[in-house]
Amino acid sequence: MLASRLLSILMLLQSRGRMSARELAEEFEVTVRTIHRDIDELSAAGVPVYAERGRSGGFLLQDGYRTKLTGLNQSEAETLFLAGLPGPAAQLGLADALATARLKLLAALPPSLQPSAERIAARFHLDPGAWFHELGPLPALPVIARAVWSERILSVRYRRSGDTEARPRRLAPLGLVLKAGVWYLVAQSGTTTRTYRAQNIHDAEVTDETFARPKHFDLVAHWQDAVREYEGGVYHEEADVRLSPKGVYMLDLLGPYVMKSAAETAGKPDRKGWVRCRLPLESIEFGIRELMRLGEEVHVIGPRELRMRFAATAERMARKHGTRSTAPTRARGRQKPPHLHEA
């Protein structure tokens, strides 16, 4: 544990520069006294770390000092090569930098680890994009990334879903998140922290104005909370339905949240395997479209409005697809009867 913490302290000082004993103590959840002992251990091992006193002081490494990556074990080296995502890196304008970094990392690894690192890069590929969704260029994304990194106010025009025009905004960018092939910006607008879809950001400019990043803001924790809140708050209606065995299997079309609700509310199957359960819906209108995806494998019981509108929609579709056949008349003058294919 001590050796791992000493190495982590070394890497932090190398990557972040000056850090106070209190900052390091909070990072590793130890006491300030423990950090001072760790710094003494590093100095005794020949690491050129020194202290600057005063209100803005802290521990630093000697200028130009860089540790080599010989401390990586095989699993760590393989993980680093697995982490390369060329698509998102290209969108951020970092494709060339990523390729160069991989070459430098490979050169810095001990000879014994180089073959395994190259092997995993050749055998595993991470594709973060959703199906039927190409990771195309996002002109504003590199600008947004610079603002996030430099902690400067971002001037943009943002078009919300459903709006016809983009409106000007000034945002304090806190972080970027890639979710299912879509980039999102987490930023402060006034005193509120909101999420903005990068694709809807236009005319992005990094201003000279800096902002104070919230001291205890955790991007990962914030995003997880936002995802839970969104998934739990988007559903405002509920459908009482019966599902065939095939319909239960097809629920993955409606998403994991719906599948979970169905499993939690499902009753005992009848003799034919049909089960009664409740499915969350965003709205009656949207619910009709979603339930139509299950075809004849679903029987809507309630609420009454949903049942009536679902039946009316099904009847309109049946009439539209039940037109007379235009096949040639048979020899005895009898037409081939129309045939209705139900979804």
Protein backbone atom coordinates (compact mmCIF):
# COMPACT_ATOMS: atom_id res chain seq x y z
CA MET A 1 0.00 0.00 0.00
CA LEU A 2 2.81 2.43 0.87
CA ALA A 3 4.72 1.68 -2.34
CA SER A 4 1.58 2.22 -4.40
CA ARG A 5 0.88 5.55 -2.68
CA LEU A 6 4.47 6.72 -3.12
CA LEU A 7 4.29 5.97 -6.85
CA SER A 8 0.93 7.74 -7.11
CA ILE A 9 2.30 10.82 -5.31
CA LEU A 10 5.22 10.87 -7.72
CA MET A 11 2.90 10.66 -10.73
CA LEU A 12 0.64 13.40 -9.37
CA LEU A 13 3.53 15.79 -8.79
CA GLN A 14 4.84 15.01 -12.26
CA SER A 15 1.47 15.61 -13.94
CA ARG A 16 0.03 18.46 -11.84
CA GLY A 17 3.09 20.28 -10.62
CA ARG A 18 2.97 21.91 -7.17
CA MET A 19 0.60 20.31 -4.65
CA SER A 20 0.22 21.09 -0.96
CA ALA A 21 0.38 18.48 1.76
CA ARG A 22 -3.30 19.03 2.50
CA GLU A 23 -4.25 18.48 -1.16
CA LEU A 24 -2.27 15.26 -1.26
CA ALA A 25 -3.78 14.13 2.04
CA GLU A 26 -7.30 14.69 0.69
CA GLU A 27 -6.41 12.86 -2.53
CA PHE A 28 -5.29 9.72 -0.70
CA GLU A 29 -7.53 10.08 2.37
CA VAL A 30 -4.62 10.06 4.82
CA THR A 31 -3.31 12.58 7.34
CA VAL A 32 -1.00 15.48 6.50
CA ARG A 33 1.62 13.90 8.77
CA THR A 34 1.50 10.72 6.64
CA ILE A 35 2.10 12.77 3.50
CA HIS A 36 5.18 14.39 5.07
CA ARG A 37 6.54 10.93 5.88
CA ASP A 38 5.85 9.82 2.30
CA ILE A 39 7.73 12.81 0.90
CA ASP A 40 10.69 11.93 3.15
CA GLU A 41 10.56 8.38 1.77
CA LEU A 42 10.66 9.68 -1.82
CA SER A 43 13.60 11.97 -1.04
CA ALA A 44 15.50 9.09 0.60
CA ALA A 45 14.90 7.02 -2.56
CA GLY A 46 16.61 9.71 -4.67
CA VAL A 47 13.53 11.42 -6.08
CA PRO A 48 14.33 15.19 -6.38
CA VAL A 49 11.26 16.49 -4.55
CA TYR A 50 11.45 19.70 -2.54
CA ALA A 51 9.11 21.98 -0.60
CA GLU A 52 8.20 25.61 -1.12
CA ARG A 53 6.89 27.36 1.96
CA GLY A 54 4.23 30.04 2.22
CA ARG A 55 0.52 30.32 1.56
CA SER A 56 0.85 29.19 -2.10
CA GLY A 57 3.66 26.73 -1.41
CA GLY A 58 3.71 22.97 -1.69
CA PHE A 59 5.79 20.06 -2.91
CA LEU A 60 7.40 20.07 -6.37
CA LEU A 61 9.69 17.94 -8.45
CA GLN A 62 12.96 19.37 -9.71
CA ASP A 63 12.55 21.00 -13.13
CA GLY A 64 13.03 18.50 -15.96
CA TYR A 65 12.66 15.41 -13.78
CA ARG A 66 10.58 12.65 -15.35
CA THR A 67 10.14 9.12 -14.12
CA LYS A 68 10.17 6.25 -16.62
CA LEU A 69 7.28 3.85 -17.05
CA THR A 70 9.27 0.84 -15.88
CA GLY A 71 6.94 0.51 -12.88
CA LEU A 72 4.05 -0.69 -15.06
CA ASN A 73 3.09 -4.33 -14.72
CA GLN A 74 1.69 -6.34 -17.62
CA SER A 75 -1.99 -5.74 -16.81
CA GLU A 76 -1.46 -1.97 -16.49
CA ALA A 77 0.39 -1.77 -19.80
CA GLU A 78 -2.30 -3.77 -21.59
CA THR A 79 -5.03 -1.59 -20.10
CA LEU A 80 -3.37 1.59 -21.38
CA PHE A 81 -3.30 0.24 -24.93
CA LEU A 82 -6.91 -0.89 -24.66
CA ALA A 83 -7.97 2.62 -23.61
CA GLY A 84 -7.20 4.25 -26.97
CA LEU A 85 -10.41 5.43 -28.69
CA PRO A 86 -9.48 6.74 -32.15
CA GLY A 87 -13.00 7.93 -33.04
CA PRO A 88 -13.59 10.23 -30.06
CA ALA A 89 -9.94 11.35 -30.15
CA ALA A 90 -10.42 12.46 -33.75
CA GLN A 91 -13.55 14.41 -32.82
CA LEU A 92 -11.55 16.19 -30.13
CA GLY A 93 -8.81 16.98 -32.67
CA LEU A 94 -6.37 14.64 -30.92
CA ALA A 95 -6.00 11.80 -33.44
CA ASP A 96 -2.36 12.58 -34.26
CA ALA A 97 -1.51 13.21 -30.60
CA LEU A 98 -3.05 9.86 -29.63
CA ALA A 99 -1.03 7.99 -32.25
CA THR A 100 2.18 9.70 -31.14
CA ALA A 101 1.45 9.04 -27.47
CA ARG A 102 0.90 5.34 -28.14
CA LEU A 103 4.25 5.12 -29.92
CA LYS A 104 6.02 6.90 -27.06
CA LEU A 105 4.33 4.67 -24.51
CA LEU A 106 5.37 1.57 -26.41
CA ALA A 107 8.97 2.80 -26.62
CA ALA A 108 9.03 3.54 -22.88
CA LEU A 109 7.80 0.09 -21.86
CA PRO A 110 10.28 -2.58 -20.85
CA PRO A 111 11.03 -5.00 -23.73
CA SER A 112 9.27 -7.82 -21.91
CA LEU A 113 5.94 -5.92 -21.94
CA GLN A 114 6.01 -4.56 -25.49
CA PRO A 115 4.73 -7.70 -27.29
CA SER A 116 1.71 -8.11 -25.00
CA ALA A 117 0.81 -4.42 -25.30
CA GLU A 118 0.91 -4.61 -29.10
CA ARG A 119 -1.05 -7.86 -29.03
CA ILE A 120 -3.98 -6.46 -27.08
CA ALA A 121 -4.13 -3.38 -29.31
CA ALA A 122 -4.39 -5.68 -32.34
CA ARG A 123 -7.04 -7.97 -30.85
CA PHE A 124 -9.44 -5.64 -29.03
CA HIS A 125 -11.24 -2.63 -30.49
CA LEU A 126 -13.51 -0.30 -28.53
CA ASP A 127 -16.29 1.27 -30.60
CA PRO A 128 -18.24 3.72 -28.39
CA GLY A 129 -20.72 4.74 -31.06
CA ALA A 130 -24.32 3.58 -31.17
CA TRP A 131 -25.62 1.45 -34.04
CA PHE A 132 -26.51 3.42 -37.20
CA HIS A 133 -24.66 6.39 -35.73
CA GLU A 134 -21.45 7.56 -37.35
CA LEU A 135 -18.94 9.49 -35.27
CA GLY A 136 -18.78 12.41 -37.65
CA PRO A 137 -16.88 15.68 -37.18
CA LEU A 138 -18.05 18.11 -34.52
CA PRO A 139 -16.49 21.50 -35.34
CA ALA A 140 -17.29 22.98 -31.92
CA LEU A 141 -15.91 20.05 -29.89
CA PRO A 142 -12.16 20.95 -29.95
CA VAL A 143 -13.06 24.53 -28.94
CA ILE A 144 -15.21 23.24 -26.09
CA ALA A 145 -12.40 20.95 -24.95
CA ARG A 146 -9.96 23.87 -24.84
CA ALA A 147 -12.38 25.86 -22.70
CA VAL A 148 -12.82 22.91 -20.33
CA TRP A 149 -9.07 22.46 -20.01
CA SER A 150 -8.22 26.14 -19.56
CA GLU A 151 -11.21 26.84 -17.25
CA ARG A 152 -12.39 29.79 -19.33
CA ILE A 153 -15.89 31.00 -20.07
CA LEU A 154 -17.34 29.61 -23.29
CA SER A 155 -19.44 31.83 -25.55
CA VAL A 156 -21.81 29.75 -27.71
CA ARG A 157 -25.13 29.66 -29.48
CA TYR A 158 -27.17 26.65 -28.34
CA ARG A 159 -30.21 25.13 -30.02
CA ARG A 160 -32.39 23.09 -27.68
CA SER A 161 -34.26 20.07 -29.03
CA GLY A 162 -37.44 21.31 -30.70
CA ASP A 163 -36.21 24.89 -31.13
CA THR A 164 -35.81 26.32 -34.62
CA GLU A 165 -32.95 28.67 -33.79
CA ALA A 166 -29.88 28.74 -31.56
CA ARG A 167 -29.73 31.22 -28.70
CA PRO A 168 -26.59 32.88 -27.26
CA ARG A 169 -25.25 31.56 -23.95
CA ARG A 170 -22.21 32.06 -21.74
CA LEU A 171 -21.18 28.84 -20.02
CA ALA A 172 -18.60 27.83 -17.45
CA PRO A 173 -17.47 24.43 -18.82
CA LEU A 174 -16.85 21.77 -16.14
CA GLY A 175 -16.35 18.64 -18.23
CA LEU A 176 -17.07 16.60 -21.35
CA VAL A 177 -18.83 13.22 -21.33
CA LEU A 178 -19.09 10.68 -24.15
CA LYS A 179 -22.30 8.64 -23.76
CA ALA A 180 -23.32 6.03 -26.38
CA GLY A 181 -21.45 7.88 -29.13
CA VAL A 182 -22.85 11.30 -28.19
CA TRP A 183 -20.76 14.07 -26.59
CA TYR A 184 -22.26 16.14 -23.78
CA LEU A 185 -20.92 19.28 -22.10
CA VAL A 186 -21.53 19.67 -18.38
CA ALA A 187 -21.41 23.39 -17.61
CA GLN A 188 -22.63 26.06 -15.25
CA SER A 189 -25.11 28.60 -16.51
CA GLY A 190 -25.38 31.18 -13.76
CA THR A 191 -25.58 29.16 -10.55
CA THR A 192 -27.12 26.07 -12.18
CA THR A 193 -25.18 23.09 -13.53
CA ARG A 194 -26.74 21.76 -16.75
CA THR A 195 -26.00 19.30 -19.54
CA TYR A 196 -25.68 20.45 -23.16
CA ARG A 197 -25.49 18.23 -26.24
CA ALA A 198 -22.31 19.14 -28.12
CA GLN A 199 -23.97 18.59 -31.49
CA ASN A 200 -26.37 21.45 -30.72
CA ILE A 201 -23.60 23.92 -29.85
CA HIS A 202 -22.70 26.41 -32.58
CA ASP A 203 -20.22 29.29 -32.97
CA ALA A 204 -18.25 28.28 -29.87
CA GLU A 205 -15.54 30.71 -28.73
CA VAL A 206 -13.19 30.55 -25.76
CA THR A 207 -13.20 33.92 -24.01
CA ASP A 208 -10.44 35.45 -21.89
CA GLU A 209 -12.69 35.33 -18.82
CA THR A 210 -11.81 32.65 -16.27
CA PHE A 211 -14.15 31.13 -13.69
CA ALA A 212 -13.75 29.44 -10.33
CA ARG A 213 -14.36 25.73 -10.71
CA PRO A 214 -16.42 24.35 -7.78
CA LYS A 215 -13.89 22.92 -5.35
CA HIS A 216 -15.65 19.62 -4.69
CA PHE A 217 -17.21 19.07 -8.12
CA ASP A 218 -16.85 15.43 -9.25
CA LEU A 219 -17.68 14.98 -12.94
CA VAL A 220 -18.22 11.20 -12.74
CA ALA A 221 -20.47 11.40 -9.67
CA HIS A 222 -22.43 14.33 -11.15
CA TRP A 223 -22.99 12.47 -14.42
CA GLN A 224 -24.16 9.30 -12.67
CA ASP A 225 -26.65 11.32 -10.61
CA ALA A 226 -27.85 13.16 -13.73
CA VAL A 227 -28.38 9.91 -15.62
CA ARG A 228 -30.40 8.40 -12.77
CA GLU A 229 -32.50 11.55 -12.45
CA TYR A 230 -33.16 11.67 -16.19
CA GLU A 231 -34.07 8.01 -16.51
CA GLY A 232 -36.32 8.17 -13.47
CA GLY A 233 -38.01 11.45 -14.40
CA VAL A 234 -38.63 10.96 -18.11
CA TYR A 235 -41.50 8.49 -17.58
CA HIS A 236 -44.79 10.16 -16.61
CA GLU A 237 -47.33 7.50 -17.59
CA GLU A 238 -47.77 3.78 -17.03
CA ALA A 239 -49.36 1.04 -19.14
CA ASP A 240 -51.11 -2.03 -17.79
CA VAL A 241 -50.47 -4.76 -20.37
CA ARG A 242 -50.36 -8.47 -21.05
CA LEU A 243 -47.35 -9.81 -22.90
CA SER A 244 -46.86 -13.06 -24.77
CA PRO A 245 -43.62 -15.01 -24.17
CA LYS A 246 -42.29 -13.48 -27.38
CA GLY A 247 -43.44 -10.04 -26.23
CA VAL A 248 -41.47 -10.39 -23.00
CA TYR A 249 -38.41 -11.29 -25.08
CA MET A 250 -38.98 -8.24 -27.33
CA LEU A 251 -39.02 -5.78 -24.42
CA ASP A 252 -35.34 -5.05 -25.02
CA LEU A 253 -36.60 -2.86 -27.89
CA LEU A 254 -38.04 -0.49 -25.28
CA GLY A 255 -34.91 -0.23 -23.16
CA PRO A 256 -33.52 -1.59 -19.88
CA TYR A 257 -35.63 0.67 -17.65
CA VAL A 258 -38.85 -0.72 -19.15
CA MET A 259 -37.53 -4.27 -18.93
CA LYS A 260 -36.72 -3.82 -15.25
CA SER A 261 -40.19 -2.45 -14.48
CA ALA A 262 -41.84 -5.33 -16.33
CA ALA A 263 -39.81 -7.90 -14.39
CA GLU A 264 -40.65 -6.27 -11.06
CA THR A 265 -44.40 -6.09 -11.71
CA ALA A 266 -44.96 -9.30 -13.70
CA GLY A 267 -47.62 -11.68 -12.43
CA LYS A 268 -47.78 -15.43 -12.83
CA PRO A 269 -47.89 -16.59 -16.50
CA ASP A 270 -51.18 -18.10 -17.73
CA ARG A 271 -51.41 -21.43 -19.54
CA LYS A 272 -50.18 -19.90 -22.79
CA GLY A 273 -47.32 -18.07 -21.09
CA TRP A 274 -48.85 -14.58 -21.22
CA VAL A 275 -47.99 -12.38 -18.23
CA ARG A 276 -49.58 -9.21 -16.94
CA CYS A 277 -47.25 -6.35 -15.94
CA ARG A 278 -46.86 -2.57 -15.93
CA LEU A 279 -44.64 -0.65 -18.35
CA PRO A 280 -43.47 2.97 -17.81
CA LEU A 281 -44.19 5.39 -20.66
CA GLU A 282 -42.94 8.88 -21.38
CA SER A 283 -46.42 9.92 -22.53
CA ILE A 284 -49.57 8.41 -24.01
CA GLU A 285 -48.58 9.56 -27.50
CA PHE A 286 -45.05 8.25 -27.26
CA GLY A 287 -46.28 5.08 -25.53
CA ILE A 288 -48.50 4.17 -28.47
CA ARG A 289 -45.55 4.32 -30.84
CA GLU A 290 -43.39 2.26 -28.48
CA LEU A 291 -46.03 -0.42 -27.83
CA MET A 292 -46.69 -0.71 -31.57
CA ARG A 293 -43.16 -2.09 -31.85
CA LEU A 294 -44.34 -5.19 -30.01
CA GLY A 295 -47.07 -5.86 -32.59
CA GLU A 296 -49.59 -8.55 -31.69
CA GLU A 297 -47.42 -9.75 -28.80
CA VAL A 298 -48.92 -7.09 -26.50
CA HIS A 299 -52.48 -6.64 -25.20
CA VAL A 300 -53.12 -3.20 -23.73
CA ILE A 301 -55.47 -3.30 -20.73
CA GLY A 302 -55.22 0.23 -19.39
CA PRO A 303 -55.40 3.06 -18.75
CA ARG A 304 -58.56 3.55 -20.78
CA GLU A 305 -57.22 6.49 -22.84
CA LEU A 306 -54.17 4.51 -23.89
CA ARG A 307 -56.26 1.43 -24.72
CA MET A 308 -58.76 3.41 -26.83
CA ARG A 309 -56.12 5.38 -28.72
CA PHE A 310 -53.99 2.28 -29.24
CA ALA A 311 -57.02 0.44 -30.71
CA ALA A 312 -57.88 3.42 -32.95
CA THR A 313 -54.32 3.57 -34.25
CA ALA A 314 -54.32 -0.17 -34.97
CA GLU A 315 -57.65 0.13 -36.83
CA ARG A 316 -56.36 2.98 -38.99
CA MET A 317 -53.27 0.95 -39.87
CA ALA A 318 -55.43 -2.10 -40.69
CA ARG A 319 -57.64 -0.05 -43.02
CA LYS A 320 -54.63 1.53 -44.70
CA HIS A 321 -53.02 -1.83 -45.38
CA GLY A 322 -56.24 -3.70 -46.21
CA THR A 323 -56.80 -2.33 -49.75
CA ARG A 324 -58.15 -4.54 -52.51
CA SER A 325 -55.67 -6.67 -54.39
CA THR A 326 -54.87 -5.54 -57.92
CA ALA A 327 -54.08 -9.09 -59.05
CA PRO A 328 -55.50 -10.12 -62.51
CA THR A 329 -59.02 -11.53 -62.55
CA ARG A 330 -59.12 -15.32 -62.63
CA ALA A 331 -60.59 -17.24 -65.55
CA ARG A 332 -64.04 -17.55 -63.99
CA GLY A 333 -64.16 -13.87 -63.08
CA ARG A 334 -63.45 -14.34 -59.40
CA GLN A 335 -60.94 -11.96 -57.88
CA LYS A 336 -58.33 -13.16 -55.40
CA PRO A 337 -59.59 -11.97 -51.97
CA PRO A 338 -57.57 -9.29 -50.23
CA HIS A 339 -55.16 -10.61 -47.63
CA LEU A 340 -54.36 -8.63 -44.50
CA HIS A 341 -50.87 -9.05 -43.05
CA GLU A 342 -50.91 -8.04 -39.42
CA ALA A 343 -47.78 -6.56 -37.85
